[in-house]
Amino acid sequence: MNRLVRSLWAGEEGEDIAEYAVMLAVILVIVVGTLRLIGSDTNTVFSNVASTLQ
């Protein structure tokens, strides 16, 4: 397993994998941050709608 990881990390394919991992991490940080910012506002809107429907 270590040989596979080292060969991927050292070769061209390894660079692609590392780049995709970094892009995925950045996207996840953006999504989580956005959800935290609008999460409470969204909860308030849904609560207001539920109160109105009752």
PDB file of N, CA and C in Angstrom:
ATOM      1  N   MET A   1       0.835  -1.197   0.000  1.00  0.00           N
ATOM      2  CA  MET A   1       0.000   0.000   0.000  1.00  0.00           C
ATOM      3  C   MET A   1       0.871   1.249   0.000  1.00  0.00           C
ATOM      4  N   ASN A   2       1.931   1.222   0.811  1.00  0.00           N
ATOM      5  CA  ASN A   2       2.832   2.381   0.857  1.00  0.00           C
ATOM      6  C   ASN A   2       3.471   2.643  -0.497  1.00  0.00           C
ATOM      7  N   ARG A   3       3.816   1.574  -1.205  1.00  0.00           N
ATOM      8  CA  ARG A   3       4.426   1.747  -2.534  1.00  0.00           C
ATOM      9  C   ARG A   3       3.449   2.418  -3.489  1.00  0.00           C
ATOM     10  N   LEU A   4       2.193   2.020  -3.429  1.00  0.00           N
ATOM     11  CA  LEU A   4       1.185   2.606  -4.309  1.00  0.00           C
ATOM     12  C   LEU A   4       1.027   4.094  -4.026  1.00  0.00           C
ATOM     13  N   VAL A   5       0.926   4.442  -2.754  1.00  0.00           N
ATOM     14  CA  VAL A   5       0.762   5.850  -2.379  1.00  0.00           C
ATOM     15  C   VAL A   5       1.986   6.651  -2.793  1.00  0.00           C
ATOM     16  N   ARG A   6       3.172   6.104  -2.570  1.00  0.00           N
ATOM     17  CA  ARG A   6       4.399   6.820  -2.955  1.00  0.00           C
ATOM     18  C   ARG A   6       4.503   6.982  -4.470  1.00  0.00           C
ATOM     19  N   SER A   7       4.137   5.940  -5.215  1.00  0.00           N
ATOM     20  CA  SER A   7       4.228   6.048  -6.666  1.00  0.00           C
ATOM     21  C   SER A   7       3.213   7.045  -7.214  1.00  0.00           C
ATOM     22  N   LEU A   8       2.023   7.056  -6.619  1.00  0.00           N
ATOM     23  CA  LEU A   8       1.027   8.032  -7.053  1.00  0.00           C
ATOM     24  C   LEU A   8       1.456   9.449  -6.704  1.00  0.00           C
ATOM     25  N   TRP A   9       2.041   9.607  -5.537  1.00  0.00           N
ATOM     26  CA  TRP A   9       2.447  10.929  -5.083  1.00  0.00           C
ATOM     27  C   TRP A   9       3.613  11.450  -5.913  1.00  0.00           C
ATOM     28  N   ALA A  10       4.507  10.556  -6.337  1.00  0.00           N
ATOM     29  CA  ALA A  10       5.699  10.971  -7.076  1.00  0.00           C
ATOM     30  C   ALA A  10       5.420  11.159  -8.568  1.00  0.00           C
ATOM     31  N   GLY A  11       4.459  10.447  -9.125  1.00  0.00           N
ATOM     32  CA  GLY A  11       4.215  10.509 -10.555  1.00  0.00           C
ATOM     33  C   GLY A  11       3.277  11.628 -10.948  1.00  0.00           C
ATOM     34  N   GLU A  12       3.012  11.722 -12.234  1.00  0.00           N
ATOM     35  CA  GLU A  12       2.081  12.726 -12.766  1.00  0.00           C
ATOM     36  C   GLU A  12       0.685  12.550 -12.185  1.00  0.00           C
ATOM     37  N   GLU A  13       0.260  11.303 -12.079  1.00  0.00           N
ATOM     38  CA  GLU A  13      -1.071  11.039 -11.552  1.00  0.00           C
ATOM     39  C   GLU A  13      -1.187  11.509 -10.105  1.00  0.00           C
ATOM     40  N   GLY A  14      -0.095  11.404  -9.369  1.00  0.00           N
ATOM     41  CA  GLY A  14      -0.091  11.846  -7.978  1.00  0.00           C
ATOM     42  C   GLY A  14      -0.335  13.337  -7.860  1.00  0.00           C
ATOM     43  N   GLU A  15       0.222  14.086  -8.783  1.00  0.00           N
ATOM     44  CA  GLU A  15      -0.002  15.534  -8.760  1.00  0.00           C
ATOM     45  C   GLU A  15      -1.464  15.848  -9.032  1.00  0.00           C
ATOM     46  N   ASP A  16      -2.062  15.117  -9.947  1.00  0.00           N
ATOM     47  CA  ASP A  16      -3.482  15.330 -10.244  1.00  0.00           C
ATOM     48  C   ASP A  16      -4.338  15.009  -9.032  1.00  0.00           C
ATOM     49  N   ILE A  17      -4.022  13.915  -8.360  1.00  0.00           N
ATOM     50  CA  ILE A  17      -4.784  13.521  -7.170  1.00  0.00           C
ATOM     51  C   ILE A  17      -4.651  14.579  -6.085  1.00  0.00           C
ATOM     52  N   ALA A  18      -3.442  15.088  -5.885  1.00  0.00           N
ATOM     53  CA  ALA A  18      -3.229  16.116  -4.861  1.00  0.00           C
ATOM     54  C   ALA A  18      -3.999  17.391  -5.205  1.00  0.00           C
ATOM     55  N   GLU A  19      -4.005  17.759  -6.477  1.00  0.00           N
ATOM     56  CA  GLU A  19      -4.742  18.960  -6.889  1.00  0.00           C
ATOM     57  C   GLU A  19      -6.244  18.790  -6.665  1.00  0.00           C
ATOM     58  N   TYR A  20      -6.770  17.615  -7.008  1.00  0.00           N
ATOM     59  CA  TYR A  20      -8.191  17.363  -6.789  1.00  0.00           C
ATOM     60  C   TYR A  20      -8.531  17.363  -5.302  1.00  0.00           C
ATOM     61  N   ALA A  21      -7.638  16.854  -4.478  1.00  0.00           N
ATOM     62  CA  ALA A  21      -7.876  16.843  -3.036  1.00  0.00           C
ATOM     63  C   ALA A  21      -7.915  18.264  -2.485  1.00  0.00           C
ATOM     64  N   VAL A  22      -7.021  19.107  -2.963  1.00  0.00           N
ATOM     65  CA  VAL A  22      -7.011  20.511  -2.516  1.00  0.00           C
ATOM     66  C   VAL A  22      -8.271  21.227  -2.978  1.00  0.00           C
ATOM     67  N   MET A  23      -8.674  20.998  -4.232  1.00  0.00           N
ATOM     68  CA  MET A  23      -9.896  21.641  -4.731  1.00  0.00           C
ATOM     69  C   MET A  23     -11.115  21.175  -3.950  1.00  0.00           C
ATOM     70  N   LEU A  24     -11.185  19.883  -3.635  1.00  0.00           N
ATOM     71  CA  LEU A  24     -12.300  19.361  -2.859  1.00  0.00           C
ATOM     72  C   LEU A  24     -12.332  19.981  -1.471  1.00  0.00           C
ATOM     73  N   ALA A  25     -11.174  20.131  -0.847  1.00  0.00           N
ATOM     74  CA  ALA A  25     -11.108  20.738   0.485  1.00  0.00           C
ATOM     75  C   ALA A  25     -11.583  22.189   0.440  1.00  0.00           C
ATOM     76  N   VAL A  26     -11.178  22.937  -0.569  1.00  0.00           N
ATOM     77  CA  VAL A  26     -11.594  24.336  -0.686  1.00  0.00           C
ATOM     78  C   VAL A  26     -13.103  24.422  -0.899  1.00  0.00           C
ATOM     79  N   ILE A  27     -13.638  23.576  -1.756  1.00  0.00           N
ATOM     80  CA  ILE A  27     -15.077  23.583  -2.006  1.00  0.00           C
ATOM     81  C   ILE A  27     -15.842  23.244  -0.730  1.00  0.00           C
ATOM     82  N   LEU A  28     -15.370  22.256   0.015  1.00  0.00           N
ATOM     83  CA  LEU A  28     -16.044  21.887   1.265  1.00  0.00           C
ATOM     84  C   LEU A  28     -16.021  23.022   2.279  1.00  0.00           C
ATOM     85  N   VAL A  29     -14.907  23.728   2.377  1.00  0.00           N
ATOM     86  CA  VAL A  29     -14.821  24.865   3.309  1.00  0.00           C
ATOM     87  C   VAL A  29     -15.811  25.948   2.908  1.00  0.00           C
ATOM     88  N   ILE A  30     -15.921  26.222   1.619  1.00  0.00           N
ATOM     89  CA  ILE A  30     -16.856  27.245   1.134  1.00  0.00           C
ATOM     90  C   ILE A  30     -18.292  26.832   1.423  1.00  0.00           C
ATOM     91  N   VAL A  31     -18.635  25.581   1.148  1.00  0.00           N
ATOM     92  CA  VAL A  31     -20.002  25.105   1.368  1.00  0.00           C
ATOM     93  C   VAL A  31     -20.353  25.142   2.854  1.00  0.00           C
ATOM     94  N   VAL A  32     -19.463  24.655   3.698  1.00  0.00           N
ATOM     95  CA  VAL A  32     -19.740  24.648   5.144  1.00  0.00           C
ATOM     96  C   VAL A  32     -19.857  26.073   5.671  1.00  0.00           C
ATOM     97  N   GLY A  33     -18.989  26.955   5.223  1.00  0.00           N
ATOM     98  CA  GLY A  33     -19.064  28.350   5.654  1.00  0.00           C
ATOM     99  C   GLY A  33     -20.354  29.016   5.230  1.00  0.00           C
ATOM    100  N   THR A  34     -20.773  28.758   4.006  1.00  0.00           N
ATOM    101  CA  THR A  34     -22.025  29.330   3.514  1.00  0.00           C
ATOM    102  C   THR A  34     -23.209  28.803   4.299  1.00  0.00           C
ATOM    103  N   LEU A  35     -23.223  27.505   4.550  1.00  0.00           N
ATOM    104  CA  LEU A  35     -24.329  26.926   5.320  1.00  0.00           C
ATOM    105  C   LEU A  35     -24.382  27.485   6.739  1.00  0.00           C
ATOM    106  N   ARG A  36     -23.236  27.724   7.327  1.00  0.00           N
ATOM    107  CA  ARG A  36     -23.237  28.313   8.674  1.00  0.00           C
ATOM    108  C   ARG A  36     -23.753  29.745   8.666  1.00  0.00           C
ATOM    109  N   LEU A  37     -23.414  30.490   7.615  1.00  0.00           N
ATOM    110  CA  LEU A  37     -23.854  31.884   7.541  1.00  0.00           C
ATOM    111  C   LEU A  37     -25.356  32.000   7.322  1.00  0.00           C
ATOM    112  N   ILE A  38     -25.910  31.177   6.443  1.00  0.00           N
ATOM    113  CA  ILE A  38     -27.334  31.302   6.135  1.00  0.00           C
ATOM    114  C   ILE A  38     -28.189  30.306   6.903  1.00  0.00           C
ATOM    115  N   GLY A  39     -27.558  29.457   7.701  1.00  0.00           N
ATOM    116  CA  GLY A  39     -28.294  28.424   8.417  1.00  0.00           C
ATOM    117  C   GLY A  39     -29.332  28.972   9.375  1.00  0.00           C
ATOM    118  N   SER A  40     -28.956  29.955  10.179  1.00  0.00           N
ATOM    119  CA  SER A  40     -29.897  30.506  11.152  1.00  0.00           C
ATOM    120  C   SER A  40     -31.009  31.290  10.455  1.00  0.00           C
ATOM    121  N   ASP A  41     -30.680  31.988   9.389  1.00  0.00           N
ATOM    122  CA  ASP A  41     -31.701  32.723   8.635  1.00  0.00           C
ATOM    123  C   ASP A  41     -32.701  31.761   8.002  1.00  0.00           C
ATOM    124  N   THR A  42     -32.201  30.678   7.478  1.00  0.00           N
ATOM    125  CA  THR A  42     -33.078  29.681   6.863  1.00  0.00           C
ATOM    126  C   THR A  42     -33.998  29.071   7.905  1.00  0.00           C
ATOM    127  N   ASN A  43     -33.476  28.788   9.079  1.00  0.00           N
ATOM    128  CA  ASN A  43     -34.290  28.230  10.154  1.00  0.00           C
ATOM    129  C   ASN A  43     -35.401  29.197  10.547  1.00  0.00           C
ATOM    130  N   THR A  44     -35.094  30.468  10.600  1.00  0.00           N
ATOM    131  CA  THR A  44     -36.093  31.479  10.939  1.00  0.00           C
ATOM    132  C   THR A  44     -37.193  31.535   9.881  1.00  0.00           C
ATOM    133  N   VAL A  45     -36.810  31.487   8.627  1.00  0.00           N
ATOM    134  CA  VAL A  45     -37.795  31.534   7.541  1.00  0.00           C
ATOM    135  C   VAL A  45     -38.713  30.325   7.608  1.00  0.00           C
ATOM    136  N   PHE A  46     -38.157  29.136   7.787  1.00  0.00           N
ATOM    137  CA  PHE A  46     -38.989  27.938   7.865  1.00  0.00           C
ATOM    138  C   PHE A  46     -39.896  27.975   9.093  1.00  0.00           C
ATOM    139  N   SER A  47     -39.416  28.507  10.200  1.00  0.00           N
ATOM    140  CA  SER A  47     -40.241  28.619  11.398  1.00  0.00           C
ATOM    141  C   SER A  47     -41.412  29.575  11.161  1.00  0.00           C
ATOM    142  N   ASN A  48     -41.150  30.692  10.486  1.00  0.00           N
ATOM    143  CA  ASN A  48     -42.203  31.648  10.188  1.00  0.00           C
ATOM    144  C   ASN A  48     -43.258  31.048   9.255  1.00  0.00           C
ATOM    145  N   VAL A  49     -42.808  30.292   8.270  1.00  0.00           N
ATOM    146  CA  VAL A  49     -43.736  29.657   7.346  1.00  0.00           C
ATOM    147  C   VAL A  49     -44.584  28.625   8.082  1.00  0.00           C
ATOM    148  N   ALA A  50     -43.950  27.843   8.944  1.00  0.00           N
ATOM    149  CA  ALA A  50     -44.688  26.823   9.699  1.00  0.00           C
ATOM    150  C   ALA A  50     -45.697  27.481  10.622  1.00  0.00           C
ATOM    151  N   SER A  51     -45.353  28.589  11.257  1.00  0.00           N
ATOM    152  CA  SER A  51     -46.275  29.291  12.136  1.00  0.00           C
ATOM    153  C   SER A  51     -47.457  29.853  11.360  1.00  0.00           C
ATOM    154  N   THR A  52     -47.173  30.366  10.164  1.00  0.00           N
ATOM    155  CA  THR A  52     -48.234  30.933   9.335  1.00  0.00           C
ATOM    156  C   THR A  52     -49.220  29.849   8.864  1.00  0.00           C
ATOM    157  N   LEU A  53     -48.689  28.678   8.528  1.00  0.00           N
ATOM    158  CA  LEU A  53     -49.539  27.607   8.042  1.00  0.00           C
ATOM    159  C   LEU A  53     -50.426  27.017   9.138  1.00  0.00           C
ATOM    160  N   GLN A  54     -50.001  27.137  10.382  1.00  0.00           N
ATOM    161  CA  GLN A  54     -50.812  26.591  11.478  1.00  0.00           C
ATOM    162  C   GLN A  54     -51.867  27.585  11.799  1.00  0.00           C
TER     163      GLN A  54
END
